[in-house]
Amino acid sequence: MSAIVLFDGVCNLCSGSVQFIIRRDPKSRVRFAAMQSEIGRALMVQYRIPLEPIESFVLIEGAECLIKSDAAIRIARRLSGLWPLLSALAAVPRPLRDWGYDLIARRRYAWFGKKSACMVPLAKDRERFLDTLPKKPLT
């Protein structure tokens, strides 16, 4: 099943996370869109995700939309190596997981920095970034 990750395109932590996912997704099943992009904002409206403030990765799989720690855990399941083992964190109650997620999300600019513009993907990864809405549902 294909997936779309919406991310804060000016956040250094978020952009680094996208590069991390790309390196560990050898089948290129995950695609990306910055939340600040036209497509990112359109998907956020479509899936009823608040446009502001941008404080979460979002994972869209078909009709399902996951945020915060649920999105991070599901993304980890898709990665190569030992990263799928992180799905064991699903056993931790969501409020506790999301508290930790929110703690980092609120401080990410202070801790990791912020760009003045959205990241520009490398040429070899460009096809993984959405320019337009998918023509058919993700399956």
C-alpha atoms as a PDB file:
ATOM      1  CA  MET A   1       0.000   0.000   0.000  1.00  0.00           C
ATOM      2  CA  SER A   2       1.298   3.471  -0.873  1.00  0.00           C
ATOM      3  CA  ALA A   3       1.360   6.255   1.664  1.00  0.00           C
ATOM      4  CA  ILE A   4       1.813  10.009   1.810  1.00  0.00           C
ATOM      5  CA  VAL A   5       3.696  11.767   4.587  1.00  0.00           C
ATOM      6  CA  LEU A   6       2.835  15.416   5.133  1.00  0.00           C
ATOM      7  CA  PHE A   7       5.611  17.257   6.936  1.00  0.00           C
ATOM      8  CA  ASP A   8       6.622  20.752   8.029  1.00  0.00           C
ATOM      9  CA  GLY A   9       8.826  21.734   5.094  1.00  0.00           C
ATOM     10  CA  VAL A  10      10.733  24.457   6.965  1.00  0.00           C
ATOM     11  CA  CYS A  11      11.529  22.360  10.054  1.00  0.00           C
ATOM     12  CA  ASN A  12      15.050  20.897  10.053  1.00  0.00           C
ATOM     13  CA  LEU A  13      13.966  17.924  12.187  1.00  0.00           C
ATOM     14  CA  CYS A  14      11.050  17.175   9.861  1.00  0.00           C
ATOM     15  CA  SER A  15      13.143  17.515   6.690  1.00  0.00           C
ATOM     16  CA  GLY A  16      15.787  15.272   8.247  1.00  0.00           C
ATOM     17  CA  SER A  17      13.090  12.743   9.102  1.00  0.00           C
ATOM     18  CA  VAL A  18      11.944  12.717   5.477  1.00  0.00           C
ATOM     19  CA  GLN A  19      15.513  11.982   4.346  1.00  0.00           C
ATOM     20  CA  PHE A  20      15.713   9.258   7.007  1.00  0.00           C
ATOM     21  CA  ILE A  21      12.531   7.638   5.643  1.00  0.00           C
ATOM     22  CA  ILE A  22      13.730   7.882   2.031  1.00  0.00           C
ATOM     23  CA  ARG A  23      16.977   6.035   2.866  1.00  0.00           C
ATOM     24  CA  ARG A  24      15.048   3.250   4.614  1.00  0.00           C
ATOM     25  CA  ASP A  25      12.175   2.837   2.130  1.00  0.00           C
ATOM     26  CA  PRO A  26      13.884   0.892  -0.668  1.00  0.00           C
ATOM     27  CA  LYS A  27      10.593   0.136  -2.459  1.00  0.00           C
ATOM     28  CA  SER A  28       9.758   3.864  -2.594  1.00  0.00           C
ATOM     29  CA  ARG A  29       6.259   3.257  -1.270  1.00  0.00           C
ATOM     30  CA  VAL A  30       6.152   6.468   0.760  1.00  0.00           C
ATOM     31  CA  ARG A  31       5.608   9.807  -0.974  1.00  0.00           C
ATOM     32  CA  PHE A  32       5.879  13.247   0.554  1.00  0.00           C
ATOM     33  CA  ALA A  33       4.371  16.719   0.536  1.00  0.00           C
ATOM     34  CA  ALA A  34       5.249  19.747   2.629  1.00  0.00           C
ATOM     35  CA  MET A  35       2.277  20.981   4.638  1.00  0.00           C
ATOM     36  CA  GLN A  36       3.011  24.489   3.358  1.00  0.00           C
ATOM     37  CA  SER A  37       2.655  23.396  -0.282  1.00  0.00           C
ATOM     38  CA  GLU A  38      -0.562  23.694  -2.259  1.00  0.00           C
ATOM     39  CA  ILE A  39      -0.958  19.911  -2.351  1.00  0.00           C
ATOM     40  CA  GLY A  40      -0.119  19.595   1.338  1.00  0.00           C
ATOM     41  CA  ARG A  41      -2.731  22.155   2.313  1.00  0.00           C
ATOM     42  CA  ALA A  42      -5.316  20.571   0.005  1.00  0.00           C
ATOM     43  CA  LEU A  43      -4.740  17.157   1.603  1.00  0.00           C
ATOM     44  CA  MET A  44      -4.982  18.683   5.070  1.00  0.00           C
ATOM     45  CA  VAL A  45      -8.355  20.210   4.166  1.00  0.00           C
ATOM     46  CA  GLN A  46      -9.515  16.942   2.583  1.00  0.00           C
ATOM     47  CA  TYR A  47      -8.614  14.944   5.706  1.00  0.00           C
ATOM     48  CA  ARG A  48      -9.820  17.674   8.121  1.00  0.00           C
ATOM     49  CA  ILE A  49      -6.400  18.363   9.634  1.00  0.00           C
ATOM     50  CA  PRO A  50      -6.055  21.856  11.147  1.00  0.00           C
ATOM     51  CA  LEU A  51      -3.902  24.040   8.893  1.00  0.00           C
ATOM     52  CA  GLU A  52      -2.319  25.867  11.830  1.00  0.00           C
ATOM     53  CA  PRO A  53      -0.317  25.290  13.880  1.00  0.00           C
ATOM     54  CA  ILE A  54       1.770  22.704  12.069  1.00  0.00           C
ATOM     55  CA  GLU A  55       2.944  20.423  14.864  1.00  0.00           C
ATOM     56  CA  SER A  56       2.721  16.898  13.545  1.00  0.00           C
ATOM     57  CA  PHE A  57       3.816  14.556  10.840  1.00  0.00           C
ATOM     58  CA  VAL A  58       0.748  13.210   9.078  1.00  0.00           C
ATOM     59  CA  LEU A  59       0.534   9.797   7.439  1.00  0.00           C
ATOM     60  CA  ILE A  60      -2.186   9.173   4.874  1.00  0.00           C
ATOM     61  CA  GLU A  61      -2.858   5.584   3.799  1.00  0.00           C
ATOM     62  CA  GLY A  62      -5.929   5.259   1.620  1.00  0.00           C
ATOM     63  CA  ALA A  63      -8.849   6.690   3.594  1.00  0.00           C
ATOM     64  CA  GLU A  64      -6.934   6.528   6.887  1.00  0.00           C
ATOM     65  CA  CYS A  65      -5.106   9.533   8.306  1.00  0.00           C
ATOM     66  CA  LEU A  66      -2.749   9.174  11.275  1.00  0.00           C
ATOM     67  CA  ILE A  67      -1.014  11.905  13.262  1.00  0.00           C
ATOM     68  CA  LYS A  68       1.589  12.269  15.998  1.00  0.00           C
ATOM     69  CA  SER A  69       2.896   9.058  17.563  1.00  0.00           C
ATOM     70  CA  ASP A  70       0.437   6.858  15.631  1.00  0.00           C
ATOM     71  CA  ALA A  71       1.895   8.184  12.372  1.00  0.00           C
ATOM     72  CA  ALA A  72       5.487   7.734  13.579  1.00  0.00           C
ATOM     73  CA  ILE A  73       4.848   4.126  14.631  1.00  0.00           C
ATOM     74  CA  ARG A  74       3.112   3.239  11.354  1.00  0.00           C
ATOM     75  CA  ILE A  75       5.938   4.829   9.363  1.00  0.00           C
ATOM     76  CA  ALA A  76       8.510   2.820  11.355  1.00  0.00           C
ATOM     77  CA  ARG A  77       6.681  -0.382  10.343  1.00  0.00           C
ATOM     78  CA  ARG A  78       7.331   0.449   6.691  1.00  0.00           C
ATOM     79  CA  LEU A  79      11.091   0.941   7.034  1.00  0.00           C
ATOM     80  CA  SER A  80      13.896  -1.499   6.369  1.00  0.00           C
ATOM     81  CA  GLY A  81      16.218  -2.775   9.070  1.00  0.00           C
ATOM     82  CA  LEU A  82      15.168  -3.021  12.708  1.00  0.00           C
ATOM     83  CA  TRP A  83      12.972   0.086  12.654  1.00  0.00           C
ATOM     84  CA  PRO A  84       9.706  -1.932  12.493  1.00  0.00           C
ATOM     85  CA  LEU A  85      10.506  -3.081  16.041  1.00  0.00           C
ATOM     86  CA  LEU A  86       9.486   0.396  17.181  1.00  0.00           C
ATOM     87  CA  SER A  87       5.899  -0.641  16.499  1.00  0.00           C
ATOM     88  CA  ALA A  88       6.059  -2.216  19.974  1.00  0.00           C
ATOM     89  CA  LEU A  89       5.612   1.357  21.242  1.00  0.00           C
ATOM     90  CA  ALA A  90       1.958   0.995  20.242  1.00  0.00           C
ATOM     91  CA  ALA A  91       1.559  -0.845  23.564  1.00  0.00           C
ATOM     92  CA  VAL A  92       2.268   2.437  25.384  1.00  0.00           C
ATOM     93  CA  PRO A  93      -0.987   4.352  25.932  1.00  0.00           C
ATOM     94  CA  ARG A  94      -1.503   6.971  23.208  1.00  0.00           C
ATOM     95  CA  PRO A  95      -1.817   9.926  25.633  1.00  0.00           C
ATOM     96  CA  LEU A  96       1.639   9.143  27.018  1.00  0.00           C
ATOM     97  CA  ARG A  97       3.154   8.621  23.541  1.00  0.00           C
ATOM     98  CA  ASP A  98       1.581  11.822  22.231  1.00  0.00           C
ATOM     99  CA  TRP A  99       2.778  13.768  25.282  1.00  0.00           C
ATOM    100  CA  GLY A 100       6.367  12.870  24.351  1.00  0.00           C
ATOM    101  CA  TYR A 101       5.690  13.607  20.693  1.00  0.00           C
ATOM    102  CA  ASP A 102       4.180  17.013  21.550  1.00  0.00           C
ATOM    103  CA  LEU A 103       7.108  17.865  23.819  1.00  0.00           C
ATOM    104  CA  ILE A 104       9.525  17.486  20.909  1.00  0.00           C
ATOM    105  CA  ALA A 105       7.154  19.061  18.346  1.00  0.00           C
ATOM    106  CA  ARG A 106       6.732  22.256  20.384  1.00  0.00           C
ATOM    107  CA  ARG A 107      10.498  22.691  20.750  1.00  0.00           C
ATOM    108  CA  ARG A 108      11.690  21.424  17.366  1.00  0.00           C
ATOM    109  CA  TYR A 109      12.546  24.844  15.928  1.00  0.00           C
ATOM    110  CA  ALA A 110      14.518  25.820  19.038  1.00  0.00           C
ATOM    111  CA  TRP A 111      16.355  22.492  19.196  1.00  0.00           C
ATOM    112  CA  PHE A 112      16.871  21.718  15.491  1.00  0.00           C
ATOM    113  CA  GLY A 113      16.361  25.027  13.690  1.00  0.00           C
ATOM    114  CA  LYS A 114      14.148  26.264  10.905  1.00  0.00           C
ATOM    115  CA  LYS A 115      14.740  27.039   7.230  1.00  0.00           C
ATOM    116  CA  SER A 116      13.503  30.211   5.542  1.00  0.00           C
ATOM    117  CA  ALA A 117      11.818  28.138   2.800  1.00  0.00           C
ATOM    118  CA  CYS A 118      10.583  24.574   2.313  1.00  0.00           C
ATOM    119  CA  MET A 119      13.196  21.938   1.592  1.00  0.00           C
ATOM    120  CA  VAL A 120      14.004  21.176  -2.023  1.00  0.00           C
ATOM    121  CA  PRO A 121      14.388  17.430  -2.620  1.00  0.00           C
ATOM    122  CA  LEU A 122      17.451  16.012  -4.309  1.00  0.00           C
ATOM    123  CA  ALA A 123      16.958  15.291  -8.019  1.00  0.00           C
ATOM    124  CA  LYS A 124      17.119  11.519  -7.404  1.00  0.00           C
ATOM    125  CA  ASP A 125      14.256  11.773  -4.876  1.00  0.00           C
ATOM    126  CA  ARG A 126      12.111  14.349  -6.733  1.00  0.00           C
ATOM    127  CA  GLU A 127       9.592  11.781  -8.013  1.00  0.00           C
ATOM    128  CA  ARG A 128       8.684  10.932  -4.402  1.00  0.00           C
ATOM    129  CA  PHE A 129       7.390  14.446  -3.732  1.00  0.00           C
ATOM    130  CA  LEU A 130       3.839  15.283  -4.762  1.00  0.00           C
ATOM    131  CA  ASP A 131       3.118  18.218  -7.026  1.00  0.00           C
ATOM    132  CA  THR A 132      -0.552  17.379  -7.536  1.00  0.00           C
ATOM    133  CA  LEU A 133      -3.247  15.382  -5.787  1.00  0.00           C
ATOM    134  CA  PRO A 134      -3.170  11.639  -6.507  1.00  0.00           C
ATOM    135  CA  LYS A 135      -5.604  10.771  -9.297  1.00  0.00           C
ATOM    136  CA  LYS A 136      -6.808   7.639  -7.535  1.00  0.00           C
ATOM    137  CA  PRO A 137      -7.056   6.572  -3.878  1.00  0.00           C
ATOM    138  CA  LEU A 138      -3.914   5.114  -2.362  1.00  0.00           C
ATOM    139  CA  THR A 139      -3.990   1.334  -2.150  1.00  0.00           C
END
